[in-house]
Amino acid sequence: MSAKTIRRAAVNRLWLLLLAIFLGLAVLPWLRPASAPERAGEVASRPADGVAASLPEVPPLDSLEATRQRPLFVATRRPPRGIVAATPERPGLGNYRMRGAIVAGDARIVLLEGPDGKTLRLREGAEVDGWTVREITDDRIVLVEDDREVIIRLHDR
């Protein structure tokens, strides 16, 4: 054997030894047994870097029964029976609802249903219960009184 062949074989053995050491170090974390708090099914009792100490205490699972019955991120989720969502009151306007609008050139007319169920036809500048109609668009009406402004949209209830 020549000196060149012997040197090449030694370099190859050195590379194989380095590769074996590297692989051994890479696999070592998976070969060690887990410490007691990290075993499956157990929770570490000590806070990690103080972060867990600042978190609120988790409520018992029994108190989350309503969440299990009505999951939070489900499209069909609805309020519990017997609870009705409150509709926001418009100050001074009671229960007026926009039922439609006619916007054709300069002609702008809004159809408002009053609390008594009667429909009012109003133009810009008209007054209703002390409020002045400032703007009418195809999907909303803007009413003003002194420094207050209220917007009623077509599909508001």
C-alpha atoms as a PDB file:
ATOM      1  CA  MET A   1       0.000   0.000   0.000  1.00  0.00           C
ATOM      2  CA  SER A   2       1.196   3.410  -0.786  1.00  0.00           C
ATOM      3  CA  ALA A   3       1.429   6.292   1.676  1.00  0.00           C
ATOM      4  CA  LYS A   4      -1.312   8.139  -0.219  1.00  0.00           C
ATOM      5  CA  THR A   5      -3.770   5.226   0.194  1.00  0.00           C
ATOM      6  CA  ILE A   6      -2.961   4.872   3.886  1.00  0.00           C
ATOM      7  CA  ARG A   7      -3.474   8.609   4.462  1.00  0.00           C
ATOM      8  CA  ARG A   8      -6.813   8.541   2.567  1.00  0.00           C
ATOM      9  CA  ALA A   9      -8.008   5.559   4.674  1.00  0.00           C
ATOM     10  CA  ALA A  10      -7.049   7.413   7.891  1.00  0.00           C
ATOM     11  CA  VAL A  11      -8.944  10.546   6.788  1.00  0.00           C
ATOM     12  CA  ASN A  12     -12.001   8.436   5.934  1.00  0.00           C
ATOM     13  CA  ARG A  13     -11.879   6.769   9.390  1.00  0.00           C
ATOM     14  CA  LEU A  14     -11.575  10.194  11.021  1.00  0.00           C
ATOM     15  CA  TRP A  15     -14.647  11.452   9.127  1.00  0.00           C
ATOM     16  CA  LEU A  16     -16.608   8.339  10.131  1.00  0.00           C
ATOM     17  CA  LEU A  17     -15.614   8.837  13.776  1.00  0.00           C
ATOM     18  CA  LEU A  18     -16.707  12.505  13.706  1.00  0.00           C
ATOM     19  CA  LEU A  19     -20.014  11.550  12.040  1.00  0.00           C
ATOM     20  CA  ALA A  20     -20.674   8.875  14.696  1.00  0.00           C
ATOM     21  CA  ILE A  21     -19.965  11.372  17.504  1.00  0.00           C
ATOM     22  CA  PHE A  22     -22.239  13.993  15.904  1.00  0.00           C
ATOM     23  CA  LEU A  23     -25.093  11.509  15.446  1.00  0.00           C
ATOM     24  CA  GLY A  24     -24.652  10.263  19.000  1.00  0.00           C
ATOM     25  CA  LEU A  25     -24.945  13.816  20.360  1.00  0.00           C
ATOM     26  CA  ALA A  26     -27.988  14.491  18.171  1.00  0.00           C
ATOM     27  CA  VAL A  27     -29.818  11.363  19.420  1.00  0.00           C
ATOM     28  CA  LEU A  28     -28.773  11.734  23.073  1.00  0.00           C
ATOM     29  CA  PRO A  29     -31.724  13.953  24.200  1.00  0.00           C
ATOM     30  CA  TRP A  30     -34.206  11.301  23.066  1.00  0.00           C
ATOM     31  CA  LEU A  31     -32.370   8.501  24.863  1.00  0.00           C
ATOM     32  CA  ARG A  32     -32.443  10.118  28.335  1.00  0.00           C
ATOM     33  CA  PRO A  33     -35.498   9.348  30.527  1.00  0.00           C
ATOM     34  CA  ALA A  34     -37.800  12.323  31.180  1.00  0.00           C
ATOM     35  CA  SER A  35     -37.605  13.956  34.579  1.00  0.00           C
ATOM     36  CA  ALA A  36     -40.581  13.455  36.947  1.00  0.00           C
ATOM     37  CA  PRO A  37     -42.630  16.626  36.195  1.00  0.00           C
ATOM     38  CA  GLU A  38     -42.214  16.196  32.431  1.00  0.00           C
ATOM     39  CA  ARG A  39     -43.700  12.683  32.254  1.00  0.00           C
ATOM     40  CA  ALA A  40     -46.947  12.275  30.330  1.00  0.00           C
ATOM     41  CA  GLY A  41     -50.078  13.007  32.355  1.00  0.00           C
ATOM     42  CA  GLU A  42     -48.310  15.112  34.976  1.00  0.00           C
ATOM     43  CA  VAL A  43     -48.137  18.891  35.221  1.00  0.00           C
ATOM     44  CA  ALA A  44     -45.022  20.697  36.333  1.00  0.00           C
ATOM     45  CA  SER A  45     -45.679  22.355  39.666  1.00  0.00           C
ATOM     46  CA  ARG A  46     -42.913  24.920  39.383  1.00  0.00           C
ATOM     47  CA  PRO A  47     -43.412  28.030  37.212  1.00  0.00           C
ATOM     48  CA  ALA A  48     -41.258  28.265  34.084  1.00  0.00           C
ATOM     49  CA  ASP A  49     -39.230  31.467  34.270  1.00  0.00           C
ATOM     50  CA  GLY A  50     -41.926  33.132  36.393  1.00  0.00           C
ATOM     51  CA  VAL A  51     -44.399  33.218  33.484  1.00  0.00           C
ATOM     52  CA  ALA A  52     -46.796  30.653  34.929  1.00  0.00           C
ATOM     53  CA  ALA A  53     -46.822  32.470  38.267  1.00  0.00           C
ATOM     54  CA  SER A  54     -48.448  35.521  36.646  1.00  0.00           C
ATOM     55  CA  LEU A  55     -51.208  33.539  34.883  1.00  0.00           C
ATOM     56  CA  PRO A  56     -54.677  33.354  36.473  1.00  0.00           C
ATOM     57  CA  GLU A  57     -55.763  30.089  38.032  1.00  0.00           C
ATOM     58  CA  VAL A  58     -57.681  27.790  35.700  1.00  0.00           C
ATOM     59  CA  PRO A  59     -61.306  27.248  36.815  1.00  0.00           C
ATOM     60  CA  PRO A  60     -62.449  23.679  37.487  1.00  0.00           C
ATOM     61  CA  LEU A  61     -63.837  21.805  34.484  1.00  0.00           C
ATOM     62  CA  ASP A  62     -67.250  21.473  36.145  1.00  0.00           C
ATOM     63  CA  SER A  63     -67.727  25.247  35.860  1.00  0.00           C
ATOM     64  CA  LEU A  64     -67.275  25.079  32.062  1.00  0.00           C
ATOM     65  CA  GLU A  65     -70.356  22.952  31.356  1.00  0.00           C
ATOM     66  CA  ALA A  66     -72.065  25.720  29.336  1.00  0.00           C
ATOM     67  CA  THR A  67     -68.974  25.995  27.132  1.00  0.00           C
ATOM     68  CA  ARG A  68     -69.082  22.277  26.434  1.00  0.00           C
ATOM     69  CA  GLN A  69     -72.778  22.455  25.557  1.00  0.00           C
ATOM     70  CA  ARG A  70     -72.327  25.536  23.341  1.00  0.00           C
ATOM     71  CA  PRO A  71     -68.712  25.511  21.998  1.00  0.00           C
ATOM     72  CA  LEU A  72     -67.183  28.939  21.467  1.00  0.00           C
ATOM     73  CA  PHE A  73     -65.962  28.589  17.893  1.00  0.00           C
ATOM     74  CA  VAL A  74     -68.902  26.887  16.232  1.00  0.00           C
ATOM     75  CA  ALA A  75     -70.915  28.705  13.567  1.00  0.00           C
ATOM     76  CA  THR A  76     -74.220  27.488  15.022  1.00  0.00           C
ATOM     77  CA  ARG A  77     -73.534  28.896  18.531  1.00  0.00           C
ATOM     78  CA  ARG A  78     -76.454  30.957  19.858  1.00  0.00           C
ATOM     79  CA  PRO A  79     -77.187  32.702  23.174  1.00  0.00           C
ATOM     80  CA  PRO A  80     -78.712  30.518  25.901  1.00  0.00           C
ATOM     81  CA  ARG A  81     -82.470  30.192  25.731  1.00  0.00           C
ATOM     82  CA  GLY A  82     -84.355  32.930  27.521  1.00  0.00           C
ATOM     83  CA  ILE A  83     -81.666  35.566  26.940  1.00  0.00           C
ATOM     84  CA  VAL A  84     -82.514  38.226  24.384  1.00  0.00           C
ATOM     85  CA  ALA A  85     -79.869  40.609  23.096  1.00  0.00           C
ATOM     86  CA  ALA A  86     -80.685  44.220  23.879  1.00  0.00           C
ATOM     87  CA  THR A  87     -81.051  46.566  20.954  1.00  0.00           C
ATOM     88  CA  PRO A  88     -79.172  49.822  21.373  1.00  0.00           C
ATOM     89  CA  GLU A  89     -81.417  52.786  21.980  1.00  0.00           C
ATOM     90  CA  ARG A  90     -80.995  55.839  19.849  1.00  0.00           C
ATOM     91  CA  PRO A  91     -81.254  58.871  22.088  1.00  0.00           C
ATOM     92  CA  GLY A  92     -84.481  60.739  21.397  1.00  0.00           C
ATOM     93  CA  LEU A  93     -85.472  58.605  18.412  1.00  0.00           C
ATOM     94  CA  GLY A  94     -87.149  55.690  20.128  1.00  0.00           C
ATOM     95  CA  ASN A  95     -87.682  52.809  17.751  1.00  0.00           C
ATOM     96  CA  TYR A  96     -87.600  54.399  14.299  1.00  0.00           C
ATOM     97  CA  ARG A  97     -86.510  51.976  11.584  1.00  0.00           C
ATOM     98  CA  MET A  98     -85.373  52.721   8.058  1.00  0.00           C
ATOM     99  CA  ARG A  99     -87.518  50.729   5.649  1.00  0.00           C
ATOM    100  CA  GLY A 100     -86.196  52.074   2.363  1.00  0.00           C
ATOM    101  CA  ALA A 101     -84.862  55.025   0.416  1.00  0.00           C
ATOM    102  CA  ILE A 102     -85.412  56.571  -2.979  1.00  0.00           C
ATOM    103  CA  VAL A 103     -82.274  58.183  -4.372  1.00  0.00           C
ATOM    104  CA  ALA A 104     -82.685  59.412  -7.951  1.00  0.00           C
ATOM    105  CA  GLY A 105     -80.674  62.452  -8.976  1.00  0.00           C
ATOM    106  CA  ASP A 106     -81.516  65.282  -6.575  1.00  0.00           C
ATOM    107  CA  ALA A 107     -84.598  63.498  -5.220  1.00  0.00           C
ATOM    108  CA  ARG A 108     -83.832  61.835  -1.917  1.00  0.00           C
ATOM    109  CA  ILE A 109     -86.673  60.367   0.138  1.00  0.00           C
ATOM    110  CA  VAL A 110     -86.393  58.012   3.095  1.00  0.00           C
ATOM    111  CA  LEU A 111     -89.114  55.724   4.422  1.00  0.00           C
ATOM    112  CA  LEU A 112     -88.993  55.567   8.228  1.00  0.00           C
ATOM    113  CA  GLU A 113     -91.259  53.363  10.292  1.00  0.00           C
ATOM    114  CA  GLY A 114     -92.175  55.038  13.557  1.00  0.00           C
ATOM    115  CA  PRO A 115     -92.738  53.393  16.937  1.00  0.00           C
ATOM    116  CA  ASP A 116     -96.479  53.364  16.215  1.00  0.00           C
ATOM    117  CA  GLY A 117     -95.935  51.349  13.010  1.00  0.00           C
ATOM    118  CA  LYS A 118     -96.777  54.201  10.626  1.00  0.00           C
ATOM    119  CA  THR A 119     -94.399  54.897   7.747  1.00  0.00           C
ATOM    120  CA  LEU A 120     -93.083  58.427   7.315  1.00  0.00           C
ATOM    121  CA  ARG A 121     -91.767  59.805   3.989  1.00  0.00           C
ATOM    122  CA  LEU A 122     -89.059  62.341   4.710  1.00  0.00           C
ATOM    123  CA  ARG A 123     -86.738  64.474   2.565  1.00  0.00           C
ATOM    124  CA  GLU A 124     -83.397  65.976   3.530  1.00  0.00           C
ATOM    125  CA  GLY A 125     -84.014  68.919   5.874  1.00  0.00           C
ATOM    126  CA  ALA A 126     -87.274  67.471   7.286  1.00  0.00           C
ATOM    127  CA  GLU A 127     -87.718  67.088  11.054  1.00  0.00           C
ATOM    128  CA  VAL A 128     -88.818  64.091  13.095  1.00  0.00           C
ATOM    129  CA  ASP A 129     -89.110  64.260  16.905  1.00  0.00           C
ATOM    130  CA  GLY A 130     -86.774  67.265  17.051  1.00  0.00           C
ATOM    131  CA  TRP A 131     -84.124  65.651  14.813  1.00  0.00           C
ATOM    132  CA  THR A 132     -83.285  67.042  11.359  1.00  0.00           C
ATOM    133  CA  VAL A 133     -82.629  64.753   8.393  1.00  0.00           C
ATOM    134  CA  ARG A 134     -79.174  65.853   7.202  1.00  0.00           C
ATOM    135  CA  GLU A 135     -78.299  63.145   4.676  1.00  0.00           C
ATOM    136  CA  ILE A 136     -80.077  60.304   2.896  1.00  0.00           C
ATOM    137  CA  THR A 137     -78.237  57.558   1.017  1.00  0.00           C
ATOM    138  CA  ASP A 138     -79.504  54.274  -0.365  1.00  0.00           C
ATOM    139  CA  ASP A 139     -78.649  52.371   2.838  1.00  0.00           C
ATOM    140  CA  ARG A 140     -78.626  54.921   5.700  1.00  0.00           C
ATOM    141  CA  ILE A 141     -79.992  58.175   7.031  1.00  0.00           C
ATOM    142  CA  VAL A 142     -78.096  60.736   9.110  1.00  0.00           C
ATOM    143  CA  LEU A 143     -80.102  62.732  11.664  1.00  0.00           C
ATOM    144  CA  VAL A 144     -78.754  65.641  13.718  1.00  0.00           C
ATOM    145  CA  GLU A 145     -79.950  67.470  16.812  1.00  0.00           C
ATOM    146  CA  ASP A 146     -77.779  70.295  18.164  1.00  0.00           C
ATOM    147  CA  ASP A 147     -74.307  68.712  18.360  1.00  0.00           C
ATOM    148  CA  ARG A 148     -75.486  65.082  18.314  1.00  0.00           C
ATOM    149  CA  GLU A 149     -75.610  62.861  15.236  1.00  0.00           C
ATOM    150  CA  VAL A 150     -77.349  59.517  14.784  1.00  0.00           C
ATOM    151  CA  ILE A 151     -77.107  57.150  11.837  1.00  0.00           C
ATOM    152  CA  ILE A 152     -79.929  54.713  11.123  1.00  0.00           C
ATOM    153  CA  ARG A 153     -79.007  51.996   8.674  1.00  0.00           C
ATOM    154  CA  LEU A 154     -81.393  50.136   6.400  1.00  0.00           C
ATOM    155  CA  HIS A 155     -81.058  46.815   8.186  1.00  0.00           C
ATOM    156  CA  ASP A 156     -80.929  48.117  11.777  1.00  0.00           C
ATOM    157  CA  ARG A 157     -83.587  46.592  14.007  1.00  0.00           C
END
